[in-house]
């Protein structure tokens, strides 16, 4: 009997009558240590409820009879499911009469066509079990599988490859393995970049636009604060080339706070670093053009250093986020 087909049929069309299976055999045949765990692994998608002695007597707050009844209720609630009793021969001898009667009563109360498999193992042959246990499994209906002992030919066939073939091979030479040329494999191409959907791209653009908007508001506030400071009025407007004819000859890239404000409105600053570059450009231009030989030049140098220091102070209070794509502005 194919137990997997029984459970599969019970799952889709629960018409199997009282599915049960007993794995019997002499001690050491592997029915409890190998065969039953293999069956449970093959049917892992079904809920398994184990009725061993450790489960029944392990919970001190409830009696074994109450634990047994609770497991039966869980098995019916999670059907199709499996009730598993390992070493049922020892289990039956260890439990008391009350628990035996409770177990038989609960088992009989399960509707005949309920998809609950009773799986049990024993370390004796089926005819050596107690009469009550033998009546649970119908031998003629294929509910009992006696694990046979392997004969001489079966043992030889199983161990021949391991002992006569694999063990007889000489150990491989490490030097020979090192000398063998390894196959040179081609470098795998880099994975294709993840393609974002239109909705994801739109969401990213909205997030970046919000970040840039926050950045522009902050930069306007800082620039407005610097422009209103009377110490930096010399840097608020472009240098008048009529008053200073050689300014454009010395300074190749003029910059002032009003130009910075225009750049903010034109969305030219994508990061705080871009903004600070132009502020430092104002300071560097002042240091480059104004010599420190006359008092006026020294005053401009002092103001440029003060502007640079103030800029550094304002930098620490700016927004911490930066946009991902510059095209989002």
Protein backbone atom coordinates (compact mmCIF):
# COMPACT_ATOMS: atom_id res chain seq x y z
CA UNK A 1 0.00 0.00 0.00
CA UNK A 2 1.31 3.45 -0.99
CA UNK A 3 0.74 5.64 2.07
CA UNK A 4 1.49 8.84 0.11
CA UNK A 5 -1.32 8.07 -2.30
CA UNK A 6 -3.67 7.43 0.62
CA UNK A 7 -2.98 10.80 2.20
CA UNK A 8 -3.07 12.62 -1.15
CA UNK A 9 -6.48 11.10 -1.90
CA UNK A 10 -7.68 11.98 1.59
CA UNK A 11 -6.61 15.57 1.12
CA UNK A 12 -8.54 16.11 -2.12
CA UNK A 13 -11.35 13.56 -1.70
CA UNK A 14 -11.57 12.41 1.95
CA UNK A 15 -13.31 9.10 1.24
CA UNK A 16 -10.70 6.69 2.71
CA UNK A 17 -12.18 4.58 5.46
CA UNK A 18 -10.30 4.90 8.71
CA UNK A 19 -6.71 5.30 7.35
CA UNK A 20 -4.22 3.54 9.64
CA UNK A 21 -0.73 2.07 9.30
CA UNK A 22 1.43 0.04 11.67
CA UNK A 23 5.15 -0.42 11.02
CA UNK A 24 6.11 -3.61 12.86
CA UNK A 25 9.31 -5.62 13.11
CA UNK A 26 11.94 -6.89 15.47
CA UNK A 27 14.03 -4.39 17.39
CA UNK A 28 16.71 -2.74 15.27
CA UNK A 29 14.87 -3.00 11.95
CA UNK A 30 14.64 0.79 11.67
CA UNK A 31 10.88 1.15 11.72
CA UNK A 32 10.97 3.83 14.43
CA UNK A 33 14.37 5.40 13.75
CA UNK A 34 14.36 5.56 9.94
CA UNK A 35 11.19 4.38 8.18
CA UNK A 36 8.59 6.34 10.18
CA UNK A 37 10.62 9.62 10.13
CA UNK A 38 11.04 9.18 6.37
CA UNK A 39 7.28 8.83 5.92
CA UNK A 40 6.61 11.90 8.06
CA UNK A 41 9.19 13.87 6.06
CA UNK A 42 7.51 12.85 2.80
CA UNK A 43 4.17 14.04 4.20
CA UNK A 44 5.53 17.19 5.85
CA UNK A 45 2.70 19.37 4.51
CA UNK A 46 0.29 17.67 6.92
CA UNK A 47 0.06 18.48 10.62
CA UNK A 48 1.62 15.78 12.83
CA UNK A 49 0.46 15.23 16.41
CA UNK A 50 2.70 12.89 18.41
CA UNK A 51 1.20 10.79 21.19
CA UNK A 52 4.39 9.56 22.86
CA UNK A 53 4.95 9.22 26.60
CA UNK A 54 7.01 12.42 26.81
CA UNK A 55 4.10 14.47 25.47
CA UNK A 56 1.41 12.82 27.59
CA UNK A 57 3.33 12.95 30.88
CA UNK A 58 5.52 15.99 30.24
CA UNK A 59 2.89 18.65 31.08
CA UNK A 60 2.34 18.67 34.83
CA UNK A 61 -0.67 21.01 34.83
CA UNK A 62 -2.90 18.57 32.92
CA UNK A 63 -3.53 14.86 33.25
CA UNK A 64 -2.43 12.45 30.50
CA UNK A 65 -6.09 11.86 29.61
CA UNK A 66 -6.68 15.61 29.11
CA UNK A 67 -3.52 15.92 27.00
CA UNK A 68 -4.63 12.97 24.87
CA UNK A 69 -8.08 14.49 24.33
CA UNK A 70 -6.54 17.85 23.43
CA UNK A 71 -4.28 16.22 20.79
CA UNK A 72 -7.27 14.43 19.26
CA UNK A 73 -9.19 17.71 19.05
CA UNK A 74 -6.22 19.40 17.39
CA UNK A 75 -5.92 16.55 14.90
CA UNK A 76 -9.57 16.92 13.90
CA UNK A 77 -9.26 20.71 13.70
CA UNK A 78 -6.18 20.57 11.43
CA UNK A 79 -7.38 17.64 9.27
CA UNK A 80 -5.97 16.22 7.07
CA UNK A 81 -3.46 15.37 9.78
CA UNK A 82 -1.46 12.50 11.30
CA UNK A 83 -1.61 10.95 14.77
CA UNK A 84 1.81 9.39 15.39
CA UNK A 85 2.51 6.88 18.18
CA UNK A 86 6.10 5.58 18.23
CA UNK A 87 6.77 2.29 20.06
CA UNK A 88 3.09 1.57 20.59
CA UNK A 89 3.95 -1.76 22.23
CA UNK A 90 5.84 -0.03 25.05
CA UNK A 91 3.31 2.82 25.06
CA UNK A 92 0.41 0.44 25.68
CA UNK A 93 2.20 -1.34 28.54
CA UNK A 94 3.27 1.93 30.23
CA UNK A 95 -0.02 3.85 30.32
CA UNK A 96 -2.80 3.10 32.73
CA UNK A 97 -6.23 1.59 32.10
CA UNK A 98 -7.90 5.00 32.18
CA UNK A 99 -5.68 6.41 29.46
CA UNK A 100 -6.13 3.28 27.35
CA UNK A 101 -9.91 3.55 27.58
CA UNK A 102 -9.73 7.27 26.79
CA UNK A 103 -7.55 6.61 23.75
CA UNK A 104 -9.83 3.87 22.37
CA UNK A 105 -12.92 6.00 22.96
CA UNK A 106 -11.46 9.06 21.26
CA UNK A 107 -10.26 6.97 18.32
CA UNK A 108 -13.68 5.42 17.84
CA UNK A 109 -15.40 8.80 18.05
CA UNK A 110 -13.49 10.07 14.98
CA UNK A 111 -15.82 9.83 11.95
CA UNK A 112 -14.83 6.97 9.67
CA UNK A 113 -14.12 9.14 6.63
CA UNK A 114 -12.23 11.89 8.46
CA UNK A 115 -8.77 12.27 6.83
CA UNK A 116 -6.74 11.52 9.98
CA UNK A 117 -4.01 8.90 9.59
CA UNK A 118 -3.08 6.82 12.65
CA UNK A 119 0.61 5.96 12.21
CA UNK A 120 2.31 3.72 14.78
CA UNK A 121 5.49 1.71 15.14
CA UNK A 122 6.38 -1.24 17.34
CA UNK A 123 9.53 -3.24 18.08
CA UNK A 124 7.77 -6.60 17.95
CA UNK A 125 5.82 -8.46 15.31
CA UNK A 126 2.16 -7.65 14.94
CA UNK A 127 0.98 -10.99 16.39
CA UNK A 128 2.93 -10.32 19.61
CA UNK A 129 1.01 -7.13 20.44
CA UNK A 130 -1.80 -6.87 22.92
CA UNK A 131 -5.20 -7.86 21.58
CA UNK A 132 -6.59 -4.32 21.90
CA UNK A 133 -3.70 -2.94 19.82
CA UNK A 134 -3.95 -5.67 17.17
CA UNK A 135 -7.63 -4.85 16.70
CA UNK A 136 -6.72 -1.25 15.80
CA UNK A 137 -4.90 -2.33 12.61
CA UNK A 138 -6.45 -4.73 10.08
CA UNK A 139 -3.70 -6.91 8.63
CA UNK A 140 -5.82 -8.14 5.75
CA UNK A 141 -6.59 -4.56 4.68
CA UNK A 142 -2.92 -3.71 4.32
CA UNK A 143 -2.76 -1.60 7.51
CA UNK A 144 0.21 -3.58 8.88
CA UNK A 145 3.67 -3.55 7.32
CA UNK A 146 6.18 -5.97 8.81
CA UNK A 147 9.71 -4.74 8.15
CA UNK A 148 11.60 -7.82 6.91
CA UNK A 149 15.20 -8.54 7.86
CA UNK A 150 17.58 -8.38 4.89
CA UNK A 151 19.07 -11.67 3.73
CA UNK A 152 22.68 -12.34 2.79
CA UNK A 153 22.31 -11.30 -0.85
CA UNK A 154 20.59 -8.05 0.05
CA UNK A 155 23.28 -7.18 2.57
CA UNK A 156 26.02 -8.00 0.05
CA UNK A 157 24.39 -5.90 -2.65
CA UNK A 158 24.07 -2.95 -0.25
CA UNK A 159 27.66 -3.03 1.10
CA UNK A 160 29.43 -4.22 -2.06
CA UNK A 161 29.85 -0.76 -3.54
CA UNK A 162 31.01 0.71 -0.23
CA UNK A 163 33.50 -1.97 0.83
CA UNK A 164 34.65 -3.75 -2.31
CA UNK A 165 34.68 -0.78 -4.69
CA UNK A 166 35.01 2.54 -2.88
CA UNK A 167 37.22 1.31 -0.03
CA UNK A 168 39.48 -0.62 -2.42
CA UNK A 169 40.33 2.46 -4.46
CA UNK A 170 43.78 3.92 -3.75
CA UNK A 171 43.72 7.36 -2.14
CA UNK A 172 43.88 10.21 -4.60
CA UNK A 173 47.21 11.99 -4.94
CA UNK A 174 47.14 15.58 -3.75
CA UNK A 175 50.13 16.42 -5.94
CA UNK A 176 48.35 15.12 -9.01
CA UNK A 177 45.25 17.11 -8.16
CA UNK A 178 47.33 20.28 -7.83
CA UNK A 179 49.08 19.70 -11.15
CA UNK A 180 45.83 19.27 -13.00
CA UNK A 181 44.97 22.45 -14.83
CA UNK A 182 41.72 23.98 -13.73
CA UNK A 183 39.25 25.00 -16.35
CA UNK A 184 39.32 28.72 -16.99
CA UNK A 185 35.77 29.95 -16.92
CA UNK A 186 34.69 33.16 -18.61
CA UNK A 187 33.84 36.10 -16.43
CA UNK A 188 30.14 36.29 -15.90
CA UNK A 189 28.54 39.42 -17.29
CA UNK A 190 27.30 41.93 -14.72
CA UNK A 191 23.62 41.64 -13.87
CA UNK A 192 21.27 43.96 -15.64
CA UNK A 193 20.16 46.95 -13.60
CA UNK A 194 16.76 46.65 -12.04
CA UNK A 195 14.10 48.25 -14.14
CA UNK A 196 11.68 50.36 -12.19
CA UNK A 197 8.04 50.64 -13.14
CA UNK A 198 6.48 53.96 -14.07
CA UNK A 199 4.78 54.16 -10.69
CA UNK A 200 8.08 53.56 -8.85
CA UNK A 201 9.87 56.16 -10.99
CA UNK A 202 7.10 58.66 -10.33
CA UNK A 203 7.31 58.00 -6.59
CA UNK A 204 11.10 58.50 -6.62
CA UNK A 205 10.77 61.73 -8.57
CA UNK A 206 8.19 63.04 -6.10
CA UNK A 207 10.44 62.18 -3.16
CA UNK A 208 13.44 63.85 -4.81
CA UNK A 209 11.44 66.93 -5.71
CA UNK A 210 10.37 67.21 -2.07
CA UNK A 211 14.00 66.91 -0.96
CA UNK A 212 15.12 69.58 -3.44
CA UNK A 213 12.30 71.88 -2.39
CA UNK A 214 13.37 71.55 1.23
CA UNK A 215 16.98 72.24 0.19
CA UNK A 216 16.05 75.38 -1.75
CA UNK A 217 14.01 76.74 1.17
CA UNK A 218 16.94 76.21 3.50
CA UNK A 219 19.46 77.79 1.11
CA UNK A 220 17.22 80.82 0.58
CA UNK A 221 16.97 81.29 4.33
CA UNK A 222 20.77 81.08 4.79
CA UNK A 223 21.48 83.42 1.88
CA UNK A 224 18.87 85.90 3.06
CA UNK A 225 20.40 85.87 6.54
CA UNK A 226 23.88 86.52 5.12
CA UNK A 227 22.61 89.31 2.86
CA UNK A 228 20.88 91.12 5.73
CA UNK A 229 24.02 90.99 7.86
CA UNK A 230 25.64 94.45 7.59
CA UNK A 231 29.09 92.87 7.88
CA UNK A 232 28.63 91.19 4.48
CA UNK A 233 27.02 94.02 2.49
CA UNK A 234 30.11 94.23 0.30
CA UNK A 235 29.29 90.73 -1.00
CA UNK A 236 25.56 91.19 -1.65
CA UNK A 237 25.90 92.59 -5.20
CA UNK A 238 28.34 92.10 -8.09
CA UNK A 239 31.47 94.23 -8.10
CA UNK A 240 31.02 97.45 -10.11
CA UNK A 241 33.54 97.16 -12.95
CA UNK A 242 33.33 100.96 -13.49
CA UNK A 243 34.68 101.54 -10.00
CA UNK A 244 37.14 98.63 -10.22
CA UNK A 245 38.14 98.34 -13.91
CA UNK A 246 40.73 95.58 -13.43
CA UNK A 247 38.50 93.31 -11.33
CA UNK A 248 37.46 91.03 -14.22
CA UNK A 249 41.08 90.82 -15.30
CA UNK A 250 42.17 89.43 -11.93
CA UNK A 251 39.02 87.45 -11.06
CA UNK A 252 37.99 84.99 -13.75
CA UNK A 253 34.74 83.85 -12.07
CA UNK A 254 33.00 86.61 -10.07
CA UNK A 255 30.43 85.61 -7.49
CA UNK A 256 28.16 87.40 -4.97
CA UNK A 257 25.16 86.65 -2.74
CA UNK A 258 22.60 88.03 -5.21
CA UNK A 259 23.93 85.70 -7.92
CA UNK A 260 23.73 82.82 -5.46
CA UNK A 261 20.08 83.70 -4.75
CA UNK A 262 19.36 83.68 -8.50
CA UNK A 263 21.03 80.31 -8.84
CA UNK A 264 18.80 78.98 -6.06
CA UNK A 265 15.68 80.18 -7.87
CA UNK A 266 16.96 78.64 -11.12
CA UNK A 267 17.39 75.24 -9.39
CA UNK A 268 21.14 75.12 -10.04
CA UNK A 269 22.06 73.73 -6.60
CA UNK A 270 21.34 70.02 -6.28
CA UNK A 271 23.33 69.55 -3.05
CA UNK A 272 24.57 71.67 -0.18
CA UNK A 273 28.10 71.09 -1.46
CA UNK A 274 27.29 72.95 -4.71
CA UNK A 275 26.01 75.92 -2.70
CA UNK A 276 29.04 75.99 -0.41
CA UNK A 277 31.32 75.97 -3.45
CA UNK A 278 29.93 79.34 -4.60
CA UNK A 279 30.11 80.81 -1.09
CA UNK A 280 33.75 79.77 -0.86
CA UNK A 281 34.26 81.31 -4.31
CA UNK A 282 33.21 84.70 -2.89
CA UNK A 283 35.78 84.35 -0.10
CA UNK A 284 38.53 83.15 -2.43
CA UNK A 285 37.89 86.03 -4.87
CA UNK A 286 38.17 88.55 -2.02
CA UNK A 287 41.41 86.95 -0.82
CA UNK A 288 42.84 86.91 -4.32
CA UNK A 289 41.94 90.47 -5.38
CA UNK A 290 42.41 92.47 -2.19
CA UNK A 291 46.03 92.84 -1.06
CA UNK A 292 46.84 93.08 2.62
CA UNK A 293 49.09 96.12 2.15
CA UNK A 294 46.45 98.87 2.66
CA UNK A 295 43.73 99.20 5.35
CA UNK A 296 40.87 98.76 2.83
CA UNK A 297 42.34 95.49 1.62
CA UNK A 298 42.80 94.25 5.19
CA UNK A 299 39.15 95.07 5.95
CA UNK A 300 37.93 93.06 2.93
CA UNK A 301 40.13 90.16 3.96
CA UNK A 302 38.69 90.26 7.49
CA UNK A 303 35.12 90.25 6.12
CA UNK A 304 35.81 87.36 3.73
CA UNK A 305 37.25 85.26 6.55
CA UNK A 306 34.22 86.15 8.70
CA UNK A 307 31.85 85.15 5.86
CA UNK A 308 33.62 81.83 5.45
CA UNK A 309 33.37 81.19 9.22
CA UNK A 310 29.64 82.07 9.24
CA UNK A 311 29.06 79.79 6.26
CA UNK A 312 30.63 76.90 8.14
CA UNK A 313 28.37 77.56 11.09
CA UNK A 314 25.23 77.60 8.90
CA UNK A 315 26.32 74.38 7.19
CA UNK A 316 25.80 72.39 10.37
CA UNK A 317 22.08 73.24 10.58
CA UNK A 318 21.16 72.31 6.99
CA UNK A 319 19.04 69.40 5.78
CA UNK A 320 20.79 66.03 5.97
CA UNK A 321 19.17 64.49 2.89
CA UNK A 322 20.41 64.90 -0.66
CA UNK A 323 18.63 64.06 -3.91
CA UNK A 324 19.45 60.97 -5.94
CA UNK A 325 19.04 62.33 -9.47
CA UNK A 326 19.80 65.87 -10.59
CA UNK A 327 17.18 65.66 -13.32
CA UNK A 328 14.43 65.52 -10.73
CA UNK A 329 14.67 69.26 -10.08
